[in-house]
Amino acid sequence: MKNSKKLILIIIAIIGMINIGNAQDKNDSREVLKIGFKVGTNLSNVYDTKGEDFVADPKLGLVLGGFVSIPIGAFIGVQPEILFSQKGFKATGKVLGFPYEITRTTNYIDIPIFFTVKPLEALTIMAGPQYSYLLKQSDAFNSSIVSTLQEQEFNNDNIRKNTFSFIWGADVNISSLVIGGRVGWDLSNNNGDGTSTTPRYKNVWYQLTLGLRF
């Protein structure tokens, strides 16, 4: 009788564990479409694509927007995003012997399309192309003589308004909270027509964001 009771308890325990495992599988967030919003910062800089003497320092900028995580099974998926993203750089030099500092801020609409791999519910690894549209460029010039702020909205081809980039990174998912890190760089130069009056460079940036998904 005692052995029978033990056997029944073991069977009940096994059935319970199977049911718990099935419930966990059904609740796997990797298989659920998620919509989210995020905000954070870019640490951006530029580099000269032909190795000429163009030296700049990084600057911080705002990034915010939304994303949709679309599953293709439990382990892979697609994640398009749309972001307002500030990039740019800082640089120093001298004019007539007087030192100056210039800070360039470029405002973009960024649309990355990530292909995602989800080895764990808590981790999403992603990489893919990005399309960027330049909205506005601001140059803040400061020296001991003068300080100016120049803003441009572009009506010519001297500055490339449409840029393609490559970007990769990862998200750490903690329930509804998403901590994201990205690295991206432009695939095309900023000067659309190759004019010598426009400094030639490409953007590169590191991005850190905090978001919520539903």
Protein backbone atom coordinates (compact mmCIF):
# COMPACT_ATOMS: atom_id res chain seq x y z
CA MET A 1 0.00 0.00 0.00
CA LYS A 2 2.82 2.36 0.94
CA ASN A 3 4.62 1.54 -2.31
CA SER A 4 1.44 2.25 -4.27
CA LYS A 5 1.08 5.64 -2.60
CA LYS A 6 4.72 6.46 -3.36
CA LEU A 7 4.25 5.46 -7.00
CA ILE A 8 1.13 7.65 -7.28
CA LEU A 9 3.01 10.61 -5.77
CA ILE A 10 5.92 10.11 -8.20
CA ILE A 11 3.52 9.98 -11.16
CA ILE A 12 1.75 13.14 -9.98
CA ALA A 13 5.13 14.89 -9.57
CA ILE A 14 6.24 13.88 -13.09
CA ILE A 15 2.94 15.08 -14.60
CA GLY A 16 3.30 18.35 -12.67
CA MET A 17 6.82 18.90 -13.99
CA ILE A 18 5.70 18.22 -17.57
CA ASN A 19 2.83 20.70 -17.20
CA ILE A 20 5.20 23.34 -15.78
CA GLY A 21 7.58 22.81 -18.70
CA ASN A 22 4.75 23.15 -21.23
CA ALA A 23 3.50 26.30 -19.52
CA GLN A 24 6.99 27.80 -19.64
CA ASP A 25 7.25 27.02 -23.35
CA LYS A 26 3.90 28.71 -24.01
CA ASN A 27 5.01 31.77 -22.05
CA ASP A 28 8.33 32.10 -23.91
CA SER A 29 8.44 35.80 -24.80
CA ARG A 30 10.68 35.08 -27.79
CA GLU A 31 7.67 33.81 -29.71
CA VAL A 32 5.48 36.86 -28.97
CA LEU A 33 5.33 40.02 -31.09
CA LYS A 34 6.48 42.98 -28.98
CA ILE A 35 6.14 46.74 -29.48
CA GLY A 36 8.40 49.07 -27.55
CA PHE A 37 9.75 52.56 -27.00
CA LYS A 38 13.24 53.60 -25.94
CA VAL A 39 15.41 56.61 -25.15
CA GLY A 40 19.13 56.98 -24.67
CA THR A 41 22.31 58.54 -25.99
CA ASN A 42 24.72 58.32 -28.92
CA LEU A 43 28.44 58.76 -28.42
CA SER A 44 29.33 59.75 -31.98
CA ASN A 45 32.37 60.76 -33.96
CA VAL A 46 33.52 60.93 -37.58
CA TYR A 47 36.45 59.57 -39.52
CA ASP A 48 38.02 60.49 -42.84
CA THR A 49 37.47 57.75 -45.38
CA LYS A 50 40.77 58.26 -47.20
CA GLY A 51 43.03 58.59 -44.19
CA GLU A 52 43.75 62.31 -44.53
CA ASP A 53 44.51 64.53 -41.57
CA PHE A 54 41.02 65.00 -40.15
CA VAL A 55 40.95 64.66 -36.36
CA ALA A 56 37.81 65.04 -34.26
CA ASP A 57 36.59 64.27 -30.75
CA PRO A 58 33.35 62.43 -29.87
CA LYS A 59 30.18 64.13 -28.65
CA LEU A 60 26.99 62.98 -26.92
CA GLY A 61 23.58 63.22 -28.57
CA LEU A 62 19.99 62.23 -27.90
CA VAL A 63 18.32 59.15 -29.41
CA LEU A 64 14.68 58.13 -28.96
CA GLY A 65 12.03 56.19 -30.84
CA GLY A 66 10.19 52.92 -31.15
CA PHE A 67 10.62 49.35 -32.34
CA VAL A 68 8.67 46.23 -33.23
CA SER A 69 10.10 42.79 -32.44
CA ILE A 70 8.64 40.27 -34.91
CA PRO A 71 9.37 36.60 -34.10
CA ILE A 72 10.06 33.93 -36.72
CA GLY A 73 9.95 31.05 -34.28
CA ALA A 74 11.56 31.10 -30.85
CA PHE A 75 15.17 31.74 -31.85
CA ILE A 76 15.18 34.17 -34.80
CA GLY A 77 13.23 37.22 -35.86
CA VAL A 78 13.20 40.70 -37.38
CA GLN A 79 13.21 44.02 -35.52
CA PRO A 80 12.60 47.27 -37.44
CA GLU A 81 13.02 50.54 -35.56
CA ILE A 82 12.45 54.25 -36.23
CA LEU A 83 14.55 56.72 -34.26
CA PHE A 84 15.34 60.39 -33.91
CA SER A 85 19.12 60.30 -33.60
CA GLN A 86 21.70 63.04 -32.96
CA LYS A 87 25.25 62.51 -34.18
CA GLY A 88 28.22 64.77 -34.85
CA PHE A 89 31.65 65.62 -33.49
CA LYS A 90 33.82 68.21 -31.74
CA ALA A 91 37.02 69.67 -33.20
CA THR A 92 39.57 72.33 -32.30
CA GLY A 93 42.00 74.47 -34.27
CA LYS A 94 43.41 77.95 -34.71
CA VAL A 95 42.42 80.95 -36.84
CA LEU A 96 44.95 83.82 -37.06
CA GLY A 97 46.66 82.36 -34.02
CA PHE A 98 43.48 82.26 -31.91
CA PRO A 99 42.23 78.86 -30.73
CA TYR A 100 38.66 77.84 -31.52
CA GLU A 101 36.27 74.93 -30.89
CA ILE A 102 33.52 73.75 -33.20
CA THR A 103 30.72 71.36 -32.25
CA ARG A 104 28.69 69.88 -35.09
CA THR A 105 25.30 68.32 -34.32
CA THR A 106 23.50 66.40 -37.06
CA ASN A 107 19.86 65.39 -36.55
CA TYR A 108 18.78 62.22 -38.37
CA ILE A 109 15.79 59.97 -38.73
CA ASP A 110 17.33 56.49 -38.49
CA ILE A 111 15.50 53.36 -39.68
CA PRO A 112 17.46 50.19 -38.88
CA ILE A 113 16.14 46.76 -39.85
CA PHE A 114 17.70 44.11 -37.64
CA PHE A 115 17.88 40.39 -38.15
CA THR A 116 17.78 38.94 -34.63
CA VAL A 117 19.03 35.80 -32.92
CA LYS A 118 17.54 34.99 -29.50
CA PRO A 119 19.57 32.28 -27.73
CA LEU A 120 17.89 33.18 -24.42
CA GLU A 121 14.74 35.03 -23.42
CA ALA A 122 16.97 37.56 -21.70
CA LEU A 123 19.30 38.14 -24.67
CA THR A 124 18.74 39.29 -28.27
CA ILE A 125 21.69 39.61 -30.66
CA MET A 126 21.07 41.69 -33.78
CA ALA A 127 22.67 43.09 -36.94
CA GLY A 128 21.48 44.71 -40.14
CA PRO A 129 21.36 47.72 -42.47
CA GLN A 130 20.16 51.19 -41.57
CA TYR A 131 18.74 54.02 -43.67
CA SER A 132 19.28 57.55 -42.33
CA TYR A 133 17.75 60.84 -43.46
CA LEU A 134 19.50 64.08 -42.45
CA LEU A 135 17.04 66.64 -41.05
CA LYS A 136 19.32 69.44 -39.89
CA GLN A 137 22.94 70.31 -39.18
CA SER A 138 24.06 72.80 -36.51
CA ASP A 139 27.60 74.15 -36.09
CA ALA A 140 28.44 75.92 -32.82
CA PHE A 141 31.68 77.90 -33.20
CA ASN A 142 33.41 79.32 -30.11
CA SER A 143 36.62 81.31 -29.80
CA SER A 144 38.01 84.12 -27.69
CA ILE A 145 36.84 86.56 -30.40
CA VAL A 146 33.41 85.36 -31.48
CA SER A 147 30.77 82.71 -30.83
CA THR A 148 28.23 81.76 -33.47
CA LEU A 149 25.60 79.12 -34.16
CA GLN A 150 24.82 78.21 -37.75
CA GLU A 151 21.93 75.93 -38.67
CA GLN A 152 21.42 74.47 -42.13
CA GLU A 153 18.52 72.83 -43.89
CA PHE A 154 19.87 71.38 -47.09
CA ASN A 155 18.57 72.27 -50.53
CA ASN A 156 21.59 71.08 -52.56
CA ASP A 157 23.72 67.99 -53.02
CA ASN A 158 26.84 69.20 -51.20
CA ILE A 159 25.71 67.28 -48.12
CA ARG A 160 24.34 63.76 -48.48
CA LYS A 161 20.88 63.67 -46.93
CA ASN A 162 20.26 59.94 -47.58
CA THR A 163 22.81 57.61 -46.00
CA PHE A 164 23.07 53.86 -45.56
CA SER A 165 24.85 52.35 -42.58
CA PHE A 166 25.56 49.01 -40.95
CA ILE A 167 24.68 48.52 -37.28
CA TRP A 168 24.88 45.65 -34.83
CA GLY A 169 24.40 45.12 -31.10
CA ALA A 170 22.38 43.36 -28.42
CA ASP A 171 19.40 43.81 -26.12
CA VAL A 172 19.16 42.56 -22.55
CA ASN A 173 15.51 41.80 -21.76
CA ILE A 174 14.39 41.94 -18.13
CA SER A 175 10.62 41.39 -18.19
CA SER A 176 9.26 44.55 -19.89
CA LEU A 177 12.55 46.42 -19.54
CA VAL A 178 15.02 46.44 -22.45
CA ILE A 179 18.64 47.63 -22.16
CA GLY A 180 20.14 48.07 -25.62
CA GLY A 181 23.66 48.62 -26.92
CA ARG A 182 24.60 49.32 -30.57
CA VAL A 183 27.60 50.13 -32.74
CA GLY A 184 27.05 51.67 -36.19
CA TRP A 185 29.00 53.27 -39.03
CA ASP A 186 28.11 54.89 -42.34
CA LEU A 187 28.77 53.06 -45.60
CA SER A 188 28.82 56.26 -47.68
CA ASN A 189 30.54 59.64 -47.34
CA ASN A 190 28.67 62.69 -46.08
CA ASN A 191 29.46 64.86 -49.13
CA GLY A 192 27.03 63.86 -51.81
CA ASP A 193 28.70 65.39 -54.86
CA GLY A 194 32.31 65.01 -53.75
CA THR A 195 32.86 68.76 -53.59
CA SER A 196 36.12 69.86 -52.02
CA THR A 197 34.33 72.62 -50.09
CA THR A 198 32.59 70.03 -47.91
CA PRO A 199 34.82 68.02 -45.54
CA ARG A 200 34.63 64.34 -46.38
CA TYR A 201 33.85 61.94 -43.53
CA LYS A 202 31.63 59.11 -42.31
CA ASN A 203 29.74 58.91 -39.03
CA VAL A 204 30.49 56.27 -36.43
CA TRP A 205 28.59 55.94 -33.15
CA TYR A 206 28.02 53.92 -30.00
CA GLN A 207 24.47 53.85 -28.69
CA LEU A 208 23.04 52.99 -25.27
CA THR A 209 19.28 52.97 -24.66
CA LEU A 210 16.70 52.05 -22.04
CA GLY A 211 13.27 50.95 -23.23
CA LEU A 212 9.94 49.35 -22.42
CA ARG A 213 8.22 46.66 -24.50
CA PHE A 214 4.62 45.45 -24.43
